[in-house]
Amino acid sequence: MSAENGSGGSMAFVAGLFLGTLAGVTTALLIAPASGREIRTALSRGAKRLVAQTTELIPEEWSAIAEEEITREIIANVSSLRSAGL
């Protein structure tokens, strides 16, 4: 295995770990007894914190990709919350 393949695998693992954590946090917040506004605020804060932590762990290119993915996830989650009436 070349160093390049190992690095790509590490980045994929970090990205997967990051997105899995985001999905878990989102699910936990959705089933928590809180108002829609509180949940959206918590999601936003959590996403910003995760982006900040991720940028410390991965190169700039991966950070931009992760940030875009997080933004898509947040938009989808907020849309779901709104359609659910929260």
N, C-alpha and C. Protein backbone atom coordinates (compact mmCIF):
# COMPACT_ATOMS: atom_id res chain seq x y z
N MET A 1 0.86 -1.18 0.00
CA MET A 1 0.00 0.00 0.00
C MET A 1 0.90 1.23 0.00
N SER A 2 0.60 2.18 -0.85
CA SER A 2 1.41 3.39 -0.90
C SER A 2 0.97 4.36 0.18
N ALA A 3 1.81 5.33 0.48
CA ALA A 3 1.48 6.34 1.49
C ALA A 3 0.26 7.14 1.08
N GLU A 4 0.09 7.31 -0.23
CA GLU A 4 -1.05 8.09 -0.72
C GLU A 4 -2.35 7.36 -0.42
N ASN A 5 -2.40 6.05 -0.63
CA ASN A 5 -3.60 5.28 -0.34
C ASN A 5 -3.91 5.28 1.15
N GLY A 6 -2.90 5.15 1.99
CA GLY A 6 -3.10 5.17 3.42
C GLY A 6 -3.65 6.50 3.89
N SER A 7 -3.16 7.58 3.33
CA SER A 7 -3.63 8.91 3.70
C SER A 7 -5.07 9.10 3.28
N GLY A 8 -5.43 8.63 2.09
CA GLY A 8 -6.81 8.74 1.61
C GLY A 8 -7.75 7.94 2.48
N GLY A 9 -7.32 6.76 2.91
CA GLY A 9 -8.13 5.94 3.80
C GLY A 9 -8.33 6.62 5.14
N SER A 10 -7.29 7.27 5.64
CA SER A 10 -7.40 8.00 6.90
C SER A 10 -8.37 9.16 6.79
N MET A 11 -8.30 9.85 5.67
CA MET A 11 -9.20 10.99 5.46
C MET A 11 -10.64 10.51 5.33
N ALA A 12 -10.84 9.41 4.64
CA ALA A 12 -12.19 8.85 4.50
C ALA A 12 -12.72 8.44 5.87
N PHE A 13 -11.85 7.84 6.69
CA PHE A 13 -12.26 7.45 8.03
C PHE A 13 -12.65 8.66 8.87
N VAL A 14 -11.83 9.71 8.84
CA VAL A 14 -12.11 10.92 9.61
C VAL A 14 -13.41 11.56 9.12
N ALA A 15 -13.59 11.63 7.80
CA ALA A 15 -14.82 12.20 7.25
C ALA A 15 -16.03 11.36 7.66
N GLY A 16 -15.90 10.04 7.60
CA GLY A 16 -17.00 9.16 8.01
C GLY A 16 -17.31 9.28 9.49
N LEU A 17 -16.28 9.37 10.29
CA LEU A 17 -16.45 9.54 11.73
C LEU A 17 -17.16 10.85 12.02
N PHE A 18 -16.74 11.89 11.33
CA PHE A 18 -17.32 13.22 11.50
C PHE A 18 -18.80 13.22 11.11
N LEU A 19 -19.11 12.67 9.95
CA LEU A 19 -20.50 12.66 9.49
C LEU A 19 -21.36 11.74 10.35
N GLY A 20 -20.80 10.64 10.80
CA GLY A 20 -21.54 9.74 11.70
C GLY A 20 -21.86 10.42 13.02
N THR A 21 -20.88 11.16 13.54
CA THR A 21 -21.11 11.90 14.78
C THR A 21 -22.21 12.94 14.58
N LEU A 22 -22.14 13.64 13.47
CA LEU A 22 -23.16 14.65 13.16
C LEU A 22 -24.55 14.01 13.08
N ALA A 23 -24.64 12.87 12.42
CA ALA A 23 -25.93 12.18 12.30
C ALA A 23 -26.43 11.73 13.67
N GLY A 24 -25.54 11.22 14.51
CA GLY A 24 -25.93 10.80 15.85
C GLY A 24 -26.41 11.94 16.71
N VAL A 25 -25.70 13.05 16.65
CA VAL A 25 -26.09 14.23 17.43
C VAL A 25 -27.44 14.74 16.93
N THR A 26 -27.62 14.78 15.63
CA THR A 26 -28.87 15.25 15.05
C THR A 26 -30.03 14.37 15.51
N THR A 27 -29.84 13.07 15.45
CA THR A 27 -30.89 12.14 15.88
C THR A 27 -31.22 12.34 17.35
N ALA A 28 -30.20 12.46 18.18
CA ALA A 28 -30.43 12.66 19.61
C ALA A 28 -31.20 13.95 19.86
N LEU A 29 -30.85 15.00 19.14
CA LEU A 29 -31.54 16.26 19.33
C LEU A 29 -32.99 16.19 18.85
N LEU A 30 -33.23 15.44 17.80
CA LEU A 30 -34.59 15.34 17.26
C LEU A 30 -35.54 14.62 18.20
N ILE A 31 -35.01 13.69 18.99
CA ILE A 31 -35.89 12.97 19.91
C ILE A 31 -35.87 13.57 21.32
N ALA A 32 -35.07 14.59 21.52
CA ALA A 32 -35.01 15.26 22.83
C ALA A 32 -36.22 16.18 23.01
N PRO A 33 -36.71 16.30 24.24
CA PRO A 33 -37.86 17.17 24.49
C PRO A 33 -37.43 18.64 24.53
N ALA A 34 -37.38 19.27 23.38
CA ALA A 34 -36.99 20.68 23.28
C ALA A 34 -37.78 21.31 22.14
N SER A 35 -37.82 22.63 22.14
CA SER A 35 -38.53 23.33 21.08
C SER A 35 -37.72 23.29 19.78
N GLY A 36 -38.38 23.54 18.67
CA GLY A 36 -37.71 23.57 17.38
C GLY A 36 -36.58 24.57 17.33
N ARG A 37 -36.82 25.75 17.90
CA ARG A 37 -35.79 26.79 17.91
C ARG A 37 -34.57 26.34 18.70
N GLU A 38 -34.81 25.72 19.86
CA GLU A 38 -33.70 25.24 20.68
C GLU A 38 -32.90 24.16 19.94
N ILE A 39 -33.61 23.28 19.26
CA ILE A 39 -32.93 22.22 18.52
C ILE A 39 -32.11 22.80 17.38
N ARG A 40 -32.68 23.75 16.63
CA ARG A 40 -31.94 24.36 15.52
C ARG A 40 -30.70 25.09 16.03
N THR A 41 -30.84 25.79 17.14
CA THR A 41 -29.70 26.49 17.73
C THR A 41 -28.62 25.50 18.16
N ALA A 42 -29.03 24.42 18.79
CA ALA A 42 -28.07 23.41 19.23
C ALA A 42 -27.38 22.75 18.03
N LEU A 43 -28.15 22.46 16.98
CA LEU A 43 -27.55 21.87 15.77
C LEU A 43 -26.53 22.81 15.15
N SER A 44 -26.87 24.08 15.09
CA SER A 44 -25.97 25.06 14.50
C SER A 44 -24.68 25.16 15.31
N ARG A 45 -24.81 25.25 16.61
CA ARG A 45 -23.62 25.34 17.48
C ARG A 45 -22.76 24.09 17.36
N GLY A 46 -23.42 22.92 17.39
CA GLY A 46 -22.69 21.67 17.28
C GLY A 46 -21.96 21.54 15.96
N ALA A 47 -22.62 21.94 14.88
CA ALA A 47 -21.99 21.87 13.56
C ALA A 47 -20.78 22.79 13.49
N LYS A 48 -20.91 24.00 14.02
CA LYS A 48 -19.79 24.93 14.00
C LYS A 48 -18.62 24.38 14.82
N ARG A 49 -18.93 23.76 15.95
CA ARG A 49 -17.88 23.19 16.79
C ARG A 49 -17.19 22.03 16.07
N LEU A 50 -17.97 21.18 15.40
CA LEU A 50 -17.40 20.07 14.67
C LEU A 50 -16.54 20.54 13.50
N VAL A 51 -16.98 21.58 12.81
CA VAL A 51 -16.19 22.13 11.71
C VAL A 51 -14.86 22.63 12.25
N ALA A 52 -14.90 23.33 13.37
CA ALA A 52 -13.66 23.86 13.96
C ALA A 52 -12.72 22.72 14.35
N GLN A 53 -13.26 21.66 14.94
CA GLN A 53 -12.42 20.52 15.33
C GLN A 53 -11.88 19.80 14.11
N THR A 54 -12.69 19.69 13.09
CA THR A 54 -12.27 18.97 11.89
C THR A 54 -11.16 19.71 11.18
N THR A 55 -11.24 21.03 11.13
CA THR A 55 -10.20 21.78 10.43
C THR A 55 -8.84 21.61 11.10
N GLU A 56 -8.84 21.28 12.38
CA GLU A 56 -7.58 21.02 13.07
C GLU A 56 -7.02 19.65 12.70
N LEU A 57 -7.90 18.73 12.31
CA LEU A 57 -7.48 17.35 12.06
C LEU A 57 -7.17 17.04 10.61
N ILE A 58 -7.79 17.73 9.69
CA ILE A 58 -7.64 17.37 8.28
C ILE A 58 -7.21 18.57 7.45
N PRO A 59 -6.62 18.31 6.30
CA PRO A 59 -6.16 19.39 5.43
C PRO A 59 -7.31 20.28 4.96
N GLU A 60 -6.94 21.43 4.45
CA GLU A 60 -7.89 22.44 4.02
C GLU A 60 -8.89 21.92 2.99
N GLU A 61 -8.44 21.13 2.03
CA GLU A 61 -9.34 20.63 0.99
C GLU A 61 -10.44 19.77 1.58
N TRP A 62 -10.07 18.89 2.48
CA TRP A 62 -11.06 18.02 3.12
C TRP A 62 -11.97 18.83 4.01
N SER A 63 -11.44 19.84 4.63
CA SER A 63 -12.25 20.70 5.48
C SER A 63 -13.35 21.38 4.70
N ALA A 64 -13.02 21.88 3.51
CA ALA A 64 -14.02 22.53 2.66
C ALA A 64 -15.11 21.54 2.25
N ILE A 65 -14.71 20.31 1.91
CA ILE A 65 -15.67 19.28 1.54
C ILE A 65 -16.57 18.95 2.72
N ALA A 66 -15.97 18.77 3.89
CA ALA A 66 -16.74 18.45 5.09
C ALA A 66 -17.69 19.58 5.44
N GLU A 67 -17.24 20.81 5.32
CA GLU A 67 -18.09 21.96 5.63
C GLU A 67 -19.29 22.02 4.69
N GLU A 68 -19.07 21.74 3.41
CA GLU A 68 -20.18 21.72 2.46
C GLU A 68 -21.18 20.62 2.81
N GLU A 69 -20.67 19.46 3.18
CA GLU A 69 -21.53 18.34 3.53
C GLU A 69 -22.33 18.66 4.80
N ILE A 70 -21.67 19.27 5.76
CA ILE A 70 -22.35 19.65 7.00
C ILE A 70 -23.44 20.67 6.70
N THR A 71 -23.15 21.62 5.85
CA THR A 71 -24.14 22.63 5.48
C THR A 71 -25.36 21.96 4.86
N ARG A 72 -25.12 20.99 3.95
CA ARG A 72 -26.24 20.26 3.34
C ARG A 72 -27.03 19.51 4.40
N GLU A 73 -26.34 18.87 5.34
CA GLU A 73 -27.01 18.12 6.41
C GLU A 73 -27.85 19.04 7.28
N ILE A 74 -27.31 20.19 7.63
CA ILE A 74 -28.04 21.14 8.48
C ILE A 74 -29.28 21.63 7.75
N ILE A 75 -29.15 21.97 6.48
CA ILE A 75 -30.30 22.44 5.70
C ILE A 75 -31.36 21.35 5.65
N ALA A 76 -30.95 20.12 5.40
CA ALA A 76 -31.91 19.00 5.35
C ALA A 76 -32.58 18.80 6.70
N ASN A 77 -31.81 18.88 7.78
CA ASN A 77 -32.38 18.69 9.12
C ASN A 77 -33.34 19.81 9.50
N VAL A 78 -32.97 21.03 9.18
CA VAL A 78 -33.85 22.16 9.48
C VAL A 78 -35.13 22.06 8.65
N SER A 79 -35.02 21.66 7.41
CA SER A 79 -36.20 21.47 6.55
C SER A 79 -37.11 20.41 7.14
N SER A 80 -36.51 19.31 7.62
CA SER A 80 -37.30 18.26 8.26
C SER A 80 -38.00 18.76 9.50
N LEU A 81 -37.29 19.53 10.30
CA LEU A 81 -37.89 20.08 11.51
C LEU A 81 -39.06 21.01 11.17
N ARG A 82 -38.87 21.85 10.18
CA ARG A 82 -39.94 22.76 9.79
C ARG A 82 -41.15 22.01 9.26
N SER A 83 -40.92 21.00 8.45
CA SER A 83 -42.05 20.23 7.90
C SER A 83 -42.75 19.44 9.00
N ALA A 84 -42.02 19.12 10.08
CA ALA A 84 -42.62 18.44 11.22
C ALA A 84 -43.33 19.41 12.15
N GLY A 85 -43.23 20.70 11.86
CA GLY A 85 -43.91 21.71 12.68
C GLY A 85 -43.12 22.19 13.88
N LEU A 86 -41.83 21.91 13.92
CA LEU A 86 -41.01 22.35 15.07
C LEU A 86 -40.34 23.66 14.76
